[in-house]
Amino acid sequence: MVERRSPHLILGLEYGVSADDVAQAFARATRRLRAVEDPTFDQEDLNWSLHQLEQESEGEGRLLEEFRVPADPTVYALPKDDGLLQPPVEPLARRTEPPTAAELAEVEQWAALDELAEMVRRASERGLPALFEIRPEEN
C-alpha cells in the first residue's frame, strides 16, 4: 500500500526548501508537538518527514508518490503549430527493396501456421481434445 502522507505538509514546508529550512521546521514542529495536548502528528511522523526531506535535498531520489500540479496548468499546453516541442515529421528514405508478392504470401502462411499452433497449444492446456497435431516439417 502506498502511503498518502506528505513530509512537506507534516512539517509545514513548501517544496524545494533548503536543508537548513527543513531542520528549522523540524525543530518548530517538535516544540509544537510538546505544547499541543492532542497533536495531529506524532514524533514518529516528524522523524519520518525529516528523513524524507533530507534524502530529497541530498539528491538521493525524489518521492515517486508525490505528484505536484502547477498553479498554471497552461504550462502543459503544447503549441498548435510545429516548433521545438512538436518538430515536423520527416519521412525517412527507404533503404531496402519492397517485398515481392511471393515473399508476402510466405510471411502470411507462416503467420497463419503460428496462429494455428498457438490455438492448438491453448486448447491442449485447457484439456480440450486435439483434432489434429501440428508437426514441424522434416527436411
C-alpha atoms as a PDB file:
ATOM      1  CA  MET A   1       0.000   0.000   0.000  1.00  0.00           C
ATOM      2  CA  VAL A   2       1.307   3.443  -0.917  1.00  0.00           C
ATOM      3  CA  GLU A   3       1.485   5.922   1.929  1.00  0.00           C
ATOM      4  CA  ARG A   4      -0.519   9.085   1.316  1.00  0.00           C
ATOM      5  CA  ARG A   5       1.249  11.448   3.695  1.00  0.00           C
ATOM      6  CA  SER A   6       3.415  14.331   2.641  1.00  0.00           C
ATOM      7  CA  PRO A   7       6.542  15.320   4.575  1.00  0.00           C
ATOM      8  CA  HIS A   8       6.064  18.888   3.355  1.00  0.00           C
ATOM      9  CA  LEU A   9       2.587  19.019   4.828  1.00  0.00           C
ATOM     10  CA  ILE A  10       3.636  17.442   8.150  1.00  0.00           C
ATOM     11  CA  LEU A  11       6.464  19.940   8.670  1.00  0.00           C
ATOM     12  CA  GLY A  12       4.587  22.848   7.088  1.00  0.00           C
ATOM     13  CA  LEU A  13       7.105  23.483   4.298  1.00  0.00           C
ATOM     14  CA  GLU A  14       6.928  24.473   0.664  1.00  0.00           C
ATOM     15  CA  TYR A  15       8.546  22.317  -1.999  1.00  0.00           C
ATOM     16  CA  GLY A  16      12.206  22.803  -2.790  1.00  0.00           C
ATOM     17  CA  VAL A  17      13.336  24.292   0.531  1.00  0.00           C
ATOM     18  CA  SER A  18      16.928  24.112   1.766  1.00  0.00           C
ATOM     19  CA  ALA A  19      18.276  21.633   4.335  1.00  0.00           C
ATOM     20  CA  ASP A  20      18.524  24.467   6.890  1.00  0.00           C
ATOM     21  CA  ASP A  21      14.834  25.304   6.427  1.00  0.00           C
ATOM     22  CA  VAL A  22      13.973  21.623   6.903  1.00  0.00           C
ATOM     23  CA  ALA A  23      15.945  21.467  10.180  1.00  0.00           C
ATOM     24  CA  GLN A  24      14.297  24.651  11.457  1.00  0.00           C
ATOM     25  CA  ALA A  25      10.814  23.403  10.543  1.00  0.00           C
ATOM     26  CA  PHE A  26      11.524  20.090  12.292  1.00  0.00           C
ATOM     27  CA  ALA A  27      12.581  21.915  15.464  1.00  0.00           C
ATOM     28  CA  ARG A  28       9.458  24.130  15.364  1.00  0.00           C
ATOM     29  CA  ALA A  29       7.206  21.109  14.803  1.00  0.00           C
ATOM     30  CA  THR A  30       8.854  19.217  17.683  1.00  0.00           C
ATOM     31  CA  ARG A  31       8.267  22.180  20.033  1.00  0.00           C
ATOM     32  CA  ARG A  32       4.676  22.453  18.806  1.00  0.00           C
ATOM     33  CA  LEU A  33       4.220  18.733  19.452  1.00  0.00           C
ATOM     34  CA  ARG A  34       5.121  19.179  23.120  1.00  0.00           C
ATOM     35  CA  ALA A  35       2.841  22.210  23.505  1.00  0.00           C
ATOM     36  CA  VAL A  36      -0.300  20.675  21.978  1.00  0.00           C
ATOM     37  CA  GLU A  37      -2.421  18.296  24.054  1.00  0.00           C
ATOM     38  CA  ASP A  38      -3.844  16.194  21.170  1.00  0.00           C
ATOM     39  CA  PRO A  39      -1.438  16.629  18.199  1.00  0.00           C
ATOM     40  CA  THR A  40      -2.314  15.630  14.656  1.00  0.00           C
ATOM     41  CA  PHE A  41       1.126  14.114  14.070  1.00  0.00           C
ATOM     42  CA  ASP A  42       3.403  12.273  16.490  1.00  0.00           C
ATOM     43  CA  GLN A  43       7.194  12.299  16.830  1.00  0.00           C
ATOM     44  CA  GLU A  44       7.486   9.302  14.505  1.00  0.00           C
ATOM     45  CA  ASP A  45       5.738  11.283  11.743  1.00  0.00           C
ATOM     46  CA  LEU A  46       8.087  14.219  12.291  1.00  0.00           C
ATOM     47  CA  ASN A  47      11.162  11.957  12.190  1.00  0.00           C
ATOM     48  CA  TRP A  48       9.910  10.298   9.004  1.00  0.00           C
ATOM     49  CA  SER A  49       9.306  13.689   7.396  1.00  0.00           C
ATOM     50  CA  LEU A  50      12.748  14.932   8.350  1.00  0.00           C
ATOM     51  CA  HIS A  51      14.354  11.808   6.890  1.00  0.00           C
ATOM     52  CA  GLN A  52      12.363  12.075   3.646  1.00  0.00           C
ATOM     53  CA  LEU A  53      13.220  15.729   3.119  1.00  0.00           C
ATOM     54  CA  GLU A  54      16.894  15.211   3.979  1.00  0.00           C
ATOM     55  CA  GLN A  55      17.088  12.495   1.345  1.00  0.00           C
ATOM     56  CA  GLU A  56      15.298  14.715  -1.129  1.00  0.00           C
ATOM     57  CA  SER A  57      17.642  17.656  -0.526  1.00  0.00           C
ATOM     58  CA  GLU A  58      20.707  15.401  -0.853  1.00  0.00           C
ATOM     59  CA  GLY A  59      19.502  14.263  -4.261  1.00  0.00           C
ATOM     60  CA  GLU A  60      19.182  10.599  -3.253  1.00  0.00           C
ATOM     61  CA  GLY A  61      15.874  10.378  -5.033  1.00  0.00           C
ATOM     62  CA  ARG A  62      12.516  12.003  -5.295  1.00  0.00           C
ATOM     63  CA  LEU A  63       9.411  10.631  -3.725  1.00  0.00           C
ATOM     64  CA  LEU A  64       7.559   8.921  -6.529  1.00  0.00           C
ATOM     65  CA  GLU A  65       4.282   9.087  -4.661  1.00  0.00           C
ATOM     66  CA  GLU A  66       4.233  12.877  -4.771  1.00  0.00           C
ATOM     67  CA  PHE A  67       2.680  14.473  -7.795  1.00  0.00           C
ATOM     68  CA  ARG A  68       2.512  18.226  -7.921  1.00  0.00           C
ATOM     69  CA  VAL A  69       0.212  20.084 -10.253  1.00  0.00           C
ATOM     70  CA  PRO A  70       1.419  23.520 -11.334  1.00  0.00           C
ATOM     71  CA  ALA A  71      -0.653  26.516 -10.324  1.00  0.00           C
ATOM     72  CA  ASP A  72      -0.868  27.455 -14.007  1.00  0.00           C
ATOM     73  CA  PRO A  73      -1.996  24.342 -15.965  1.00  0.00           C
ATOM     74  CA  THR A  74      -1.430  26.134 -19.298  1.00  0.00           C
ATOM     75  CA  VAL A  75       2.296  25.390 -18.976  1.00  0.00           C
ATOM     76  CA  TYR A  76       1.480  21.903 -20.298  1.00  0.00           C
ATOM     77  CA  ALA A  77      -0.403  23.199 -23.338  1.00  0.00           C
ATOM     78  CA  LEU A  78       1.547  22.445 -26.490  1.00  0.00           C
ATOM     79  CA  PRO A  79       1.557  24.917 -29.352  1.00  0.00           C
ATOM     80  CA  LYS A  80      -0.717  24.074 -32.279  1.00  0.00           C
ATOM     81  CA  ASP A  81       1.967  24.554 -34.940  1.00  0.00           C
ATOM     82  CA  ASP A  82       5.343  22.895 -35.482  1.00  0.00           C
ATOM     83  CA  GLY A  83       8.062  24.013 -33.142  1.00  0.00           C
ATOM     84  CA  LEU A  84      10.630  22.911 -30.614  1.00  0.00           C
ATOM     85  CA  LEU A  85       8.261  20.543 -28.805  1.00  0.00           C
ATOM     86  CA  GLN A  86       6.497  19.351 -31.944  1.00  0.00           C
ATOM     87  CA  PRO A  87       9.003  19.025 -34.771  1.00  0.00           C
ATOM     88  CA  PRO A  88       7.551  18.310 -38.207  1.00  0.00           C
ATOM     89  CA  VAL A  89       7.505  14.724 -39.450  1.00  0.00           C
ATOM     90  CA  GLU A  90      10.446  13.924 -41.691  1.00  0.00           C
ATOM     91  CA  PRO A  91       9.885  10.732 -43.673  1.00  0.00           C
ATOM     92  CA  LEU A  92      12.945   8.513 -43.994  1.00  0.00           C
ATOM     93  CA  ALA A  93      14.135   7.236 -47.333  1.00  0.00           C
ATOM     94  CA  ARG A  94      13.594   3.504 -47.863  1.00  0.00           C
ATOM     95  CA  ARG A  95      16.861   1.562 -47.643  1.00  0.00           C
ATOM     96  CA  THR A  96      15.569  -1.855 -48.722  1.00  0.00           C
ATOM     97  CA  GLU A  97      13.599  -3.144 -51.673  1.00  0.00           C
ATOM     98  CA  PRO A  98       9.883  -3.702 -51.098  1.00  0.00           C
ATOM     99  CA  PRO A  99       8.921  -7.368 -50.620  1.00  0.00           C
ATOM    100  CA  THR A 100       7.701  -9.363 -53.587  1.00  0.00           C
ATOM    101  CA  ALA A 101       4.236 -10.902 -53.711  1.00  0.00           C
ATOM    102  CA  ALA A 102       5.756 -14.358 -53.129  1.00  0.00           C
ATOM    103  CA  GLU A 103       7.614 -13.150 -50.021  1.00  0.00           C
ATOM    104  CA  LEU A 104       4.419 -11.587 -48.632  1.00  0.00           C
ATOM    105  CA  ALA A 105       2.497 -14.815 -49.266  1.00  0.00           C
ATOM    106  CA  GLU A 106       5.178 -16.831 -47.441  1.00  0.00           C
ATOM    107  CA  VAL A 107       5.066 -14.473 -44.432  1.00  0.00           C
ATOM    108  CA  GLU A 108       1.256 -14.720 -44.339  1.00  0.00           C
ATOM    109  CA  GLN A 109       1.471 -18.535 -44.472  1.00  0.00           C
ATOM    110  CA  TRP A 110       3.962 -18.660 -41.560  1.00  0.00           C
ATOM    111  CA  ALA A 111       1.833 -16.230 -39.542  1.00  0.00           C
ATOM    112  CA  ALA A 112      -1.260 -18.376 -40.096  1.00  0.00           C
ATOM    113  CA  LEU A 113       0.630 -21.536 -39.071  1.00  0.00           C
ATOM    114  CA  ASP A 114       1.959 -19.818 -35.941  1.00  0.00           C
ATOM    115  CA  GLU A 115      -1.554 -18.697 -35.002  1.00  0.00           C
ATOM    116  CA  LEU A 116      -2.919 -22.188 -35.584  1.00  0.00           C
ATOM    117  CA  ALA A 117      -0.158 -23.735 -33.449  1.00  0.00           C
ATOM    118  CA  GLU A 118      -0.942 -21.257 -30.660  1.00  0.00           C
ATOM    119  CA  MET A 119      -4.635 -22.176 -30.789  1.00  0.00           C
ATOM    120  CA  VAL A 120      -3.779 -25.900 -30.536  1.00  0.00           C
ATOM    121  CA  ARG A 121      -1.443 -25.216 -27.609  1.00  0.00           C
ATOM    122  CA  ARG A 122      -4.148 -23.253 -25.749  1.00  0.00           C
ATOM    123  CA  ALA A 123      -6.710 -25.979 -26.410  1.00  0.00           C
ATOM    124  CA  SER A 124      -4.394 -28.669 -25.027  1.00  0.00           C
ATOM    125  CA  GLU A 125      -3.647 -26.530 -21.929  1.00  0.00           C
ATOM    126  CA  ARG A 126      -7.378 -26.380 -21.259  1.00  0.00           C
ATOM    127  CA  GLY A 127      -7.714 -30.133 -21.664  1.00  0.00           C
ATOM    128  CA  LEU A 128      -9.624 -29.969 -24.944  1.00  0.00           C
ATOM    129  CA  PRO A 129      -9.024 -32.857 -27.326  1.00  0.00           C
ATOM    130  CA  ALA A 130      -6.884 -32.006 -30.321  1.00  0.00           C
ATOM    131  CA  LEU A 131      -8.460 -32.837 -33.657  1.00  0.00           C
ATOM    132  CA  PHE A 132      -5.087 -32.680 -35.335  1.00  0.00           C
ATOM    133  CA  GLU A 133      -1.443 -32.247 -34.454  1.00  0.00           C
ATOM    134  CA  ILE A 134       1.000 -29.779 -35.938  1.00  0.00           C
ATOM    135  CA  ARG A 135       4.376 -31.289 -36.582  1.00  0.00           C
ATOM    136  CA  PRO A 136       7.422 -29.361 -37.772  1.00  0.00           C
ATOM    137  CA  GLU A 137       8.472 -30.018 -41.301  1.00  0.00           C
ATOM    138  CA  GLU A 138      11.221 -32.545 -41.733  1.00  0.00           C
ATOM    139  CA  ASN A 139      13.847 -31.545 -44.260  1.00  0.00           C
END
